[in-house]
């Protein structure tokens, strides 16, 4: 994992969706904090806590290869 810092929240969001569409686990985890206190909750999923659980769920989701397409329909930015 890298200690990648994104200049803006929009840059982090863009990196997240690019990693999701490419099923790129390393790129996905670069978006997440390296802190062991991270939490991820997927829609209708259980609460996942820590690097190991978060990485594992993304690894399982990406196992089928890049077959996800994300289209943002309504984006709201609060500054």
PDB file of N, CA and C in Angstrom:
ATOM      1  N   UNK A   1       0.835  -1.178   0.000  1.00  0.00           N
ATOM      2  CA  UNK A   1       0.000   0.000   0.000  1.00  0.00           C
ATOM      3  C   UNK A   1       0.876   1.236   0.000  1.00  0.00           C
ATOM      4  N   UNK A   2       0.381   2.250  -0.639  1.00  0.00           N
ATOM      5  CA  UNK A   2       1.138   3.490  -0.677  1.00  0.00           C
ATOM      6  C   UNK A   2       0.552   4.472   0.310  1.00  0.00           C
ATOM      7  N   UNK A   3       1.329   5.492   0.611  1.00  0.00           N
ATOM      8  CA  UNK A   3       0.853   6.574   1.470  1.00  0.00           C
ATOM      9  C   UNK A   3       0.405   7.719   0.561  1.00  0.00           C
ATOM     10  N   UNK A   4      -0.382   7.398  -0.425  1.00  0.00           N
ATOM     11  CA  UNK A   4      -0.799   8.383  -1.423  1.00  0.00           C
ATOM     12  C   UNK A   4      -1.730   9.412  -0.799  1.00  0.00           C
ATOM     13  N   UNK A   5      -1.442  10.660  -1.060  1.00  0.00           N
ATOM     14  CA  UNK A   5      -2.279  11.753  -0.582  1.00  0.00           C
ATOM     15  C   UNK A   5      -2.914  12.407  -1.801  1.00  0.00           C
ATOM     16  N   UNK A   6      -4.209  12.582  -1.749  1.00  0.00           N
ATOM     17  CA  UNK A   6      -4.919  13.205  -2.854  1.00  0.00           C
ATOM     18  C   UNK A   6      -5.096  14.685  -2.554  1.00  0.00           C
ATOM     19  N   UNK A   7      -4.814  15.539  -3.529  1.00  0.00           N
ATOM     20  CA  UNK A   7      -4.901  16.987  -3.297  1.00  0.00           C
ATOM     21  C   UNK A   7      -6.305  17.467  -2.939  1.00  0.00           C
ATOM     22  N   UNK A   8      -7.325  16.815  -3.484  1.00  0.00           N
ATOM     23  CA  UNK A   8      -8.702  17.229  -3.202  1.00  0.00           C
ATOM     24  C   UNK A   8      -9.564  15.989  -2.967  1.00  0.00           C
ATOM     25  N   UNK A   9     -10.701  16.216  -2.354  1.00  0.00           N
ATOM     26  CA  UNK A   9     -11.652  15.123  -2.165  1.00  0.00           C
ATOM     27  C   UNK A   9     -12.114  14.580  -3.512  1.00  0.00           C
ATOM     28  N   UNK A  10     -12.260  15.470  -4.494  1.00  0.00           N
ATOM     29  CA  UNK A  10     -12.682  15.030  -5.833  1.00  0.00           C
ATOM     30  C   UNK A  10     -11.646  14.103  -6.458  1.00  0.00           C
ATOM     31  N   UNK A  11     -10.360  14.396  -6.257  1.00  0.00           N
ATOM     32  CA  UNK A  11      -9.302  13.517  -6.762  1.00  0.00           C
ATOM     33  C   UNK A  11      -9.384  12.133  -6.119  1.00  0.00           C
ATOM     34  N   UNK A  12      -9.650  12.096  -4.813  1.00  0.00           N
ATOM     35  CA  UNK A  12      -9.788  10.808  -4.113  1.00  0.00           C
ATOM     36  C   UNK A  12     -10.999  10.048  -4.635  1.00  0.00           C
ATOM     37  N   UNK A  13     -12.100  10.758  -4.839  1.00  0.00           N
ATOM     38  CA  UNK A  13     -13.312  10.111  -5.357  1.00  0.00           C
ATOM     39  C   UNK A  13     -13.079   9.560  -6.764  1.00  0.00           C
ATOM     40  N   UNK A  14     -12.434  10.334  -7.611  1.00  0.00           N
ATOM     41  CA  UNK A  14     -12.126   9.869  -8.971  1.00  0.00           C
ATOM     42  C   UNK A  14     -11.257   8.620  -8.927  1.00  0.00           C
ATOM     43  N   UNK A  15     -10.250   8.609  -8.054  1.00  0.00           N
ATOM     44  CA  UNK A  15      -9.366   7.446  -7.934  1.00  0.00           C
ATOM     45  C   UNK A  15     -10.143   6.225  -7.454  1.00  0.00           C
ATOM     46  N   UNK A  16     -11.085   6.432  -6.540  1.00  0.00           N
ATOM     47  CA  UNK A  16     -11.923   5.342  -6.032  1.00  0.00           C
ATOM     48  C   UNK A  16     -12.709   4.692  -7.176  1.00  0.00           C
ATOM     49  N   UNK A  17     -13.398   5.510  -7.960  1.00  0.00           N
ATOM     50  CA  UNK A  17     -14.240   4.952  -9.031  1.00  0.00           C
ATOM     51  C   UNK A  17     -13.404   4.345 -10.161  1.00  0.00           C
ATOM     52  N   UNK A  18     -12.229   4.899 -10.434  1.00  0.00           N
ATOM     53  CA  UNK A  18     -11.343   4.301 -11.437  1.00  0.00           C
ATOM     54  C   UNK A  18     -10.871   2.926 -10.965  1.00  0.00           C
ATOM     55  N   UNK A  19     -10.481   2.835  -9.703  1.00  0.00           N
ATOM     56  CA  UNK A  19     -10.038   1.547  -9.148  1.00  0.00           C
ATOM     57  C   UNK A  19     -11.185   0.543  -9.164  1.00  0.00           C
ATOM     58  N   UNK A  20     -12.393   0.998  -8.853  1.00  0.00           N
ATOM     59  CA  UNK A  20     -13.569   0.127  -8.851  1.00  0.00           C
ATOM     60  C   UNK A  20     -13.832  -0.434 -10.243  1.00  0.00           C
ATOM     61  N   UNK A  21     -13.814   0.417 -11.247  1.00  0.00           N
ATOM     62  CA  UNK A  21     -14.093  -0.046 -12.618  1.00  0.00           C
ATOM     63  C   UNK A  21     -13.001  -0.960 -13.157  1.00  0.00           C
ATOM     64  N   UNK A  22     -11.748  -0.749 -12.739  1.00  0.00           N
ATOM     65  CA  UNK A  22     -10.634  -1.578 -13.214  1.00  0.00           C
ATOM     66  C   UNK A  22     -10.421  -2.821 -12.353  1.00  0.00           C
ATOM     67  N   UNK A  23     -11.166  -2.899 -11.228  1.00  0.00           N
ATOM     68  CA  UNK A  23     -10.957  -3.993 -10.271  1.00  0.00           C
ATOM     69  C   UNK A  23      -9.499  -4.068  -9.839  1.00  0.00           C
ATOM     70  N   UNK A  24      -8.948  -2.911  -9.536  1.00  0.00           N
ATOM     71  CA  UNK A  24      -7.542  -2.775  -9.163  1.00  0.00           C
ATOM     72  C   UNK A  24      -7.453  -2.651  -7.643  1.00  0.00           C
ATOM     73  N   UNK A  25      -7.110  -3.753  -6.984  1.00  0.00           N
ATOM     74  CA  UNK A  25      -7.092  -3.793  -5.525  1.00  0.00           C
ATOM     75  C   UNK A  25      -6.069  -2.821  -4.937  1.00  0.00           C
ATOM     76  N   UNK A  26      -4.874  -2.780  -5.501  1.00  0.00           N
ATOM     77  CA  UNK A  26      -3.854  -1.870  -4.968  1.00  0.00           C
ATOM     78  C   UNK A  26      -4.284  -0.416  -5.109  1.00  0.00           C
ATOM     79  N   UNK A  27      -4.858  -0.068  -6.247  1.00  0.00           N
ATOM     80  CA  UNK A  27      -5.336   1.307  -6.443  1.00  0.00           C
ATOM     81  C   UNK A  27      -6.492   1.605  -5.495  1.00  0.00           C
ATOM     82  N   UNK A  28      -7.368   0.629  -5.266  1.00  0.00           N
ATOM     83  CA  UNK A  28      -8.482   0.835  -4.339  1.00  0.00           C
ATOM     84  C   UNK A  28      -7.958   1.083  -2.932  1.00  0.00           C
ATOM     85  N   UNK A  29      -7.035   0.261  -2.491  1.00  0.00           N
ATOM     86  CA  UNK A  29      -6.534   0.411  -1.130  1.00  0.00           C
ATOM     87  C   UNK A  29      -5.699   1.678  -0.962  1.00  0.00           C
ATOM     88  N   UNK A  30      -5.165   2.220  -2.048  1.00  0.00           N
ATOM     89  CA  UNK A  30      -4.418   3.481  -1.973  1.00  0.00           C
ATOM     90  C   UNK A  30      -5.350   4.648  -1.650  1.00  0.00           C
ATOM     91  N   UNK A  31      -6.636   4.480  -1.918  1.00  0.00           N
ATOM     92  CA  UNK A  31      -7.617   5.526  -1.616  1.00  0.00           C
ATOM     93  C   UNK A  31      -7.948   5.521  -0.126  1.00  0.00           C
ATOM     94  N   UNK A  32      -7.849   4.367   0.508  1.00  0.00           N
ATOM     95  CA  UNK A  32      -8.210   4.227   1.914  1.00  0.00           C
ATOM     96  C   UNK A  32      -7.054   4.649   2.810  1.00  0.00           C
ATOM     97  N   UNK A  33      -7.379   5.115   3.988  1.00  0.00           N
ATOM     98  CA  UNK A  33      -6.370   5.427   4.996  1.00  0.00           C
ATOM     99  C   UNK A  33      -5.656   4.139   5.383  1.00  0.00           C
ATOM    100  N   UNK A  34      -4.417   4.248   5.765  1.00  0.00           N
ATOM    101  CA  UNK A  34      -3.685   3.071   6.226  1.00  0.00           C
ATOM    102  C   UNK A  34      -3.935   2.810   7.705  1.00  0.00           C
ATOM    103  N   UNK A  35      -4.768   3.604   8.307  1.00  0.00           N
ATOM    104  CA  UNK A  35      -5.131   3.470   9.715  1.00  0.00           C
ATOM    105  C   UNK A  35      -5.931   2.189   9.931  1.00  0.00           C
ATOM    106  N   UNK A  36      -5.673   1.482  11.001  1.00  0.00           N
ATOM    107  CA  UNK A  36      -6.413   0.245  11.287  1.00  0.00           C
ATOM    108  C   UNK A  36      -7.836   0.514  11.737  1.00  0.00           C
ATOM    109  N   UNK A  37      -8.196   1.775  11.933  1.00  0.00           N
ATOM    110  CA  UNK A  37      -9.543   2.123  12.378  1.00  0.00           C
ATOM    111  C   UNK A  37     -10.502   2.404  11.229  1.00  0.00           C
ATOM    112  N   UNK A  38     -10.116   2.088   9.981  1.00  0.00           N
ATOM    113  CA  UNK A  38     -11.016   2.356   8.858  1.00  0.00           C
ATOM    114  C   UNK A  38     -12.235   1.450   8.941  1.00  0.00           C
ATOM    115  N   UNK A  39     -13.341   1.948   8.390  1.00  0.00           N
ATOM    116  CA  UNK A  39     -14.601   1.205   8.392  1.00  0.00           C
ATOM    117  C   UNK A  39     -15.217   1.306   7.006  1.00  0.00           C
ATOM    118  N   UNK A  40     -15.781   0.208   6.521  1.00  0.00           N
ATOM    119  CA  UNK A  40     -16.435   0.171   5.218  1.00  0.00           C
ATOM    120  C   UNK A  40     -17.768  -0.563   5.381  1.00  0.00           C
ATOM    121  N   UNK A  41     -18.825   0.029   4.832  1.00  0.00           N
ATOM    122  CA  UNK A  41     -20.132  -0.629   4.835  1.00  0.00           C
ATOM    123  C   UNK A  41     -20.670  -0.556   3.410  1.00  0.00           C
ATOM    124  N   UNK A  42     -20.765  -1.702   2.756  1.00  0.00           N
ATOM    125  CA  UNK A  42     -21.334  -1.761   1.420  1.00  0.00           C
ATOM    126  C   UNK A  42     -22.859  -1.808   1.540  1.00  0.00           C
ATOM    127  N   UNK A  43     -23.571  -1.359   0.520  1.00  0.00           N
ATOM    128  CA  UNK A  43     -25.042  -1.420   0.588  1.00  0.00           C
ATOM    129  C   UNK A  43     -25.516  -2.827   0.953  1.00  0.00           C
ATOM    130  N   UNK A  44     -26.378  -2.895   1.928  1.00  0.00           N
ATOM    131  CA  UNK A  44     -26.945  -4.153   2.434  1.00  0.00           C
ATOM    132  C   UNK A  44     -25.881  -5.098   2.995  1.00  0.00           C
ATOM    133  N   UNK A  45     -24.705  -4.548   3.298  1.00  0.00           N
ATOM    134  CA  UNK A  45     -23.632  -5.377   3.832  1.00  0.00           C
ATOM    135  C   UNK A  45     -23.392  -5.110   5.305  1.00  0.00           C
ATOM    136  N   UNK A  46     -22.510  -5.887   5.854  1.00  0.00           N
ATOM    137  CA  UNK A  46     -22.164  -5.727   7.258  1.00  0.00           C
ATOM    138  C   UNK A  46     -21.026  -4.721   7.408  1.00  0.00           C
ATOM    139  N   UNK A  47     -20.831  -4.249   8.604  1.00  0.00           N
ATOM    140  CA  UNK A  47     -19.768  -3.288   8.911  1.00  0.00           C
ATOM    141  C   UNK A  47     -18.434  -4.032   8.899  1.00  0.00           C
ATOM    142  N   UNK A  48     -17.497  -3.520   8.118  1.00  0.00           N
ATOM    143  CA  UNK A  48     -16.162  -4.099   8.041  1.00  0.00           C
ATOM    144  C   UNK A  48     -15.194  -3.110   8.671  1.00  0.00           C
ATOM    145  N   UNK A  49     -14.334  -3.583   9.538  1.00  0.00           N
ATOM    146  CA  UNK A  49     -13.410  -2.700  10.241  1.00  0.00           C
ATOM    147  C   UNK A  49     -11.975  -3.184  10.067  1.00  0.00           C
ATOM    148  N   UNK A  50     -11.083  -2.239   9.834  1.00  0.00           N
ATOM    149  CA  UNK A  50      -9.656  -2.542   9.727  1.00  0.00           C
ATOM    150  C   UNK A  50      -9.216  -2.866   8.310  1.00  0.00           C
ATOM    151  N   UNK A  51      -7.934  -2.691   8.085  1.00  0.00           N
ATOM    152  CA  UNK A  51      -7.338  -2.914   6.770  1.00  0.00           C
ATOM    153  C   UNK A  51      -7.616  -4.313   6.237  1.00  0.00           C
ATOM    154  N   UNK A  52      -7.464  -5.318   7.080  1.00  0.00           N
ATOM    155  CA  UNK A  52      -7.595  -6.702   6.614  1.00  0.00           C
ATOM    156  C   UNK A  52      -9.006  -6.992   6.092  1.00  0.00           C
ATOM    157  N   UNK A  53     -10.034  -6.617   6.840  1.00  0.00           N
ATOM    158  CA  UNK A  53     -11.407  -6.883   6.407  1.00  0.00           C
ATOM    159  C   UNK A  53     -11.772  -6.072   5.171  1.00  0.00           C
ATOM    160  N   UNK A  54     -11.357  -4.808   5.142  1.00  0.00           N
ATOM    161  CA  UNK A  54     -11.684  -3.956   3.991  1.00  0.00           C
ATOM    162  C   UNK A  54     -10.994  -4.479   2.735  1.00  0.00           C
ATOM    163  N   UNK A  55      -9.717  -4.801   2.831  1.00  0.00           N
ATOM    164  CA  UNK A  55      -8.971  -5.338   1.686  1.00  0.00           C
ATOM    165  C   UNK A  55      -9.595  -6.653   1.213  1.00  0.00           C
ATOM    166  N   UNK A  56      -9.952  -7.516   2.145  1.00  0.00           N
ATOM    167  CA  UNK A  56     -10.490  -8.822   1.779  1.00  0.00           C
ATOM    168  C   UNK A  56     -11.809  -8.697   1.021  1.00  0.00           C
ATOM    169  N   UNK A  57     -12.697  -7.806   1.461  1.00  0.00           N
ATOM    170  CA  UNK A  57     -13.975  -7.680   0.758  1.00  0.00           C
ATOM    171  C   UNK A  57     -13.772  -7.120  -0.649  1.00  0.00           C
ATOM    172  N   UNK A  58     -12.869  -6.160  -0.811  1.00  0.00           N
ATOM    173  CA  UNK A  58     -12.601  -5.646  -2.165  1.00  0.00           C
ATOM    174  C   UNK A  58     -11.950  -6.726  -3.023  1.00  0.00           C
ATOM    175  N   UNK A  59     -11.047  -7.518  -2.453  1.00  0.00           N
ATOM    176  CA  UNK A  59     -10.400  -8.593  -3.207  1.00  0.00           C
ATOM    177  C   UNK A  59     -11.453  -9.575  -3.717  1.00  0.00           C
ATOM    178  N   UNK A  60     -12.418  -9.938  -2.867  1.00  0.00           N
ATOM    179  CA  UNK A  60     -13.473 -10.862  -3.275  1.00  0.00           C
ATOM    180  C   UNK A  60     -14.386 -10.237  -4.331  1.00  0.00           C
ATOM    181  N   UNK A  61     -14.689  -8.956  -4.178  1.00  0.00           N
ATOM    182  CA  UNK A  61     -15.535  -8.293  -5.175  1.00  0.00           C
ATOM    183  C   UNK A  61     -14.842  -8.224  -6.535  1.00  0.00           C
ATOM    184  N   UNK A  62     -13.537  -8.043  -6.531  1.00  0.00           N
ATOM    185  CA  UNK A  62     -12.784  -7.891  -7.773  1.00  0.00           C
ATOM    186  C   UNK A  62     -12.399  -9.220  -8.407  1.00  0.00           C
ATOM    187  N   UNK A  63     -12.626 -10.324  -7.726  1.00  0.00           N
ATOM    188  CA  UNK A  63     -12.194 -11.640  -8.214  1.00  0.00           C
ATOM    189  C   UNK A  63     -12.771 -11.978  -9.582  1.00  0.00           C
ATOM    190  N   UNK A  64     -13.940 -11.465  -9.900  1.00  0.00           N
ATOM    191  CA  UNK A  64     -14.567 -11.750 -11.196  1.00  0.00           C
ATOM    192  C   UNK A  64     -14.025 -10.918 -12.342  1.00  0.00           C
ATOM    193  N   UNK A  65     -13.139 -10.004 -12.046  1.00  0.00           N
ATOM    194  CA  UNK A  65     -12.568  -9.164 -13.100  1.00  0.00           C
ATOM    195  C   UNK A  65     -13.370  -7.895 -13.305  1.00  0.00           C
ATOM    196  N   UNK A  66     -12.844  -7.036 -14.162  1.00  0.00           N
ATOM    197  CA  UNK A  66     -13.475  -5.720 -14.369  1.00  0.00           C
ATOM    198  C   UNK A  66     -14.772  -5.813 -15.169  1.00  0.00           C
ATOM    199  N   UNK A  67     -15.872  -5.928 -14.439  1.00  0.00           N
ATOM    200  CA  UNK A  67     -17.164  -5.996 -15.115  1.00  0.00           C
ATOM    201  C   UNK A  67     -18.154  -4.976 -14.543  1.00  0.00           C
ATOM    202  N   UNK A  68     -17.645  -4.069 -13.707  1.00  0.00           N
ATOM    203  CA  UNK A  68     -18.504  -3.034 -13.130  1.00  0.00           C
ATOM    204  C   UNK A  68     -18.367  -1.743 -13.906  1.00  0.00           C
ATOM    205  N   UNK A  69     -19.455  -1.091 -14.070  1.00  0.00           N
ATOM    206  CA  UNK A  69     -19.477   0.221 -14.726  1.00  0.00           C
ATOM    207  C   UNK A  69     -20.212   1.156 -13.783  1.00  0.00           C
ATOM    208  N   UNK A  70     -19.607   2.265 -13.453  1.00  0.00           N
ATOM    209  CA  UNK A  70     -20.207   3.213 -12.528  1.00  0.00           C
ATOM    210  C   UNK A  70     -20.555   4.484 -13.276  1.00  0.00           C
ATOM    211  N   UNK A  71     -21.771   4.929 -13.097  1.00  0.00           N
ATOM    212  CA  UNK A  71     -22.189   6.187 -13.709  1.00  0.00           C
ATOM    213  C   UNK A  71     -22.780   7.053 -12.593  1.00  0.00           C
ATOM    214  N   UNK A  72     -22.157   8.194 -12.371  1.00  0.00           N
ATOM    215  CA  UNK A  72     -22.618   9.130 -11.356  1.00  0.00           C
ATOM    216  C   UNK A  72     -23.787   9.906 -11.965  1.00  0.00           C
ATOM    217  N   UNK A  73     -24.947   9.794 -11.365  1.00  0.00           N
ATOM    218  CA  UNK A  73     -26.131  10.458 -11.913  1.00  0.00           C
ATOM    219  C   UNK A  73     -26.377  11.807 -11.259  1.00  0.00           C
ATOM    220  N   UNK A  74     -26.056  11.908 -10.001  1.00  0.00           N
ATOM    221  CA  UNK A  74     -26.317  13.151  -9.297  1.00  0.00           C
ATOM    222  C   UNK A  74     -25.229  13.338  -8.247  1.00  0.00           C
ATOM    223  N   UNK A  75     -24.349  14.269  -8.489  1.00  0.00           N
ATOM    224  CA  UNK A  75     -23.249  14.507  -7.588  1.00  0.00           C
ATOM    225  C   UNK A  75     -23.464  15.823  -6.848  1.00  0.00           C
ATOM    226  N   UNK A  76     -23.249  15.797  -5.557  1.00  0.00           N
ATOM    227  CA  UNK A  76     -23.391  17.001  -4.738  1.00  0.00           C
ATOM    228  C   UNK A  76     -22.071  17.222  -4.021  1.00  0.00           C
ATOM    229  N   UNK A  77     -21.546  18.419  -4.131  1.00  0.00           N
ATOM    230  CA  UNK A  77     -20.306  18.772  -3.439  1.00  0.00           C
ATOM    231  C   UNK A  77     -20.643  19.872  -2.441  1.00  0.00           C
ATOM    232  N   UNK A  78     -20.283  19.634  -1.203  1.00  0.00           N
ATOM    233  CA  UNK A  78     -20.510  20.633  -0.155  1.00  0.00           C
ATOM    234  C   UNK A  78     -19.144  21.133   0.282  1.00  0.00           C
ATOM    235  N   UNK A  79     -18.935  22.399   0.087  1.00  0.00           N
ATOM    236  CA  UNK A  79     -17.619  22.966   0.435  1.00  0.00           C
ATOM    237  C   UNK A  79     -17.701  23.760   1.717  1.00  0.00           C
TER     238      UNK A  79
END
